[in-house]
Amino acid sequence: MSDKALTEVRSQEDYGTLLLGTGLTVAALILVPAVATRLGLGAALTGAVRMALMRASSRAVTGEKGEECGDGSAGFSCH
């Protein structure tokens, strides 16, 4: 493949990961609290689901696995 074709394929992959990360972030910030309020879920459970979605969003965009707890690259910790 030529360099131009490789760049185009990589660009399309970047858009896909960015779209996935954005979707997970919107779900974590808007949809999860709305559904949790509607269902009457507690704040602790809602917060845990939001943290899991934000962590998944970070992993989708950066492509890193990271550690389960205290991952510095994700920008937040579970403590």
Protein backbone atom coordinates (compact mmCIF):
# COMPACT_ATOMS: atom_id res chain seq x y z
CA MET A 1 0.00 0.00 0.00
CA SER A 2 1.07 3.53 -0.57
CA ASP A 3 1.68 5.98 2.25
CA LYS A 4 -1.44 7.93 1.28
CA ALA A 5 -3.63 4.80 1.49
CA LEU A 6 -2.16 3.87 4.89
CA THR A 7 -2.79 7.38 6.18
CA GLU A 8 -6.40 7.25 4.98
CA VAL A 9 -7.02 3.88 6.68
CA ARG A 10 -5.45 5.15 9.91
CA SER A 11 -7.60 8.30 9.75
CA GLN A 12 -10.77 6.21 9.42
CA GLU A 13 -9.71 4.13 12.45
CA ASP A 14 -9.14 7.32 14.44
CA TYR A 15 -12.64 8.55 13.66
CA GLY A 16 -14.12 5.25 14.79
CA THR A 17 -12.31 5.24 18.12
CA LEU A 18 -13.15 8.91 18.67
CA LEU A 19 -16.81 8.23 17.95
CA LEU A 20 -16.83 5.26 20.34
CA GLY A 21 -15.13 7.27 23.10
CA THR A 22 -17.55 10.16 22.62
CA GLY A 23 -20.55 7.84 22.75
CA LEU A 24 -19.38 6.23 25.97
CA THR A 25 -18.73 9.65 27.52
CA VAL A 26 -22.19 10.92 26.60
CA ALA A 27 -23.69 7.76 28.05
CA ALA A 28 -21.73 8.21 31.28
CA LEU A 29 -22.48 11.91 31.71
CA ILE A 30 -26.08 12.13 30.50
CA LEU A 31 -27.80 8.81 29.96
CA VAL A 32 -26.70 6.90 33.07
CA PRO A 33 -27.84 9.58 35.57
CA ALA A 34 -31.16 9.97 33.73
CA VAL A 35 -31.86 6.24 33.72
CA ALA A 36 -30.67 5.86 37.32
CA THR A 37 -33.00 8.63 38.46
CA ARG A 38 -35.89 7.07 36.58
CA LEU A 39 -35.22 3.65 38.12
CA GLY A 40 -34.45 5.01 41.59
CA LEU A 41 -30.90 3.65 41.77
CA GLY A 42 -28.58 4.87 44.49
CA ALA A 43 -25.81 7.38 43.98
CA ALA A 44 -23.07 4.84 44.69
CA LEU A 45 -24.25 2.46 41.97
CA THR A 46 -24.75 5.30 39.52
CA GLY A 47 -21.25 6.60 40.24
CA ALA A 48 -19.73 3.16 39.77
CA VAL A 49 -21.42 2.73 36.39
CA ARG A 50 -20.32 6.21 35.31
CA MET A 51 -16.72 5.49 36.33
CA ALA A 52 -16.73 2.21 34.41
CA LEU A 53 -18.03 3.93 31.28
CA MET A 54 -15.50 6.76 31.54
CA ARG A 55 -12.69 4.23 31.98
CA ALA A 56 -13.94 2.33 28.90
CA SER A 57 -14.08 5.61 26.98
CA SER A 58 -10.50 6.42 27.92
CA ARG A 59 -9.33 2.96 26.89
CA ALA A 60 -11.17 3.18 23.58
CA VAL A 61 -9.51 6.45 22.65
CA THR A 62 -6.00 5.78 23.93
CA GLY A 63 -5.92 2.08 23.08
CA GLU A 64 -4.22 1.22 26.38
CA LYS A 65 -5.32 -1.52 28.73
CA GLY A 66 -3.98 0.04 31.93
CA GLU A 67 -4.35 -1.34 35.40
CA GLU A 68 -7.65 -2.05 37.08
CA CYS A 69 -7.07 0.39 39.92
CA GLY A 70 -4.98 3.53 40.19
CA ASP A 71 -4.22 3.81 36.48
CA GLY A 72 -2.44 7.13 36.13
CA SER A 73 -2.88 7.32 32.36
CA ALA A 74 -6.68 7.32 32.65
CA GLY A 75 -6.60 10.53 34.67
CA PHE A 76 -8.48 9.16 37.68
CA SER A 77 -8.18 6.53 40.35
CA CYS A 78 -10.61 4.19 42.05
CA HIS A 79 -9.60 5.52 45.48
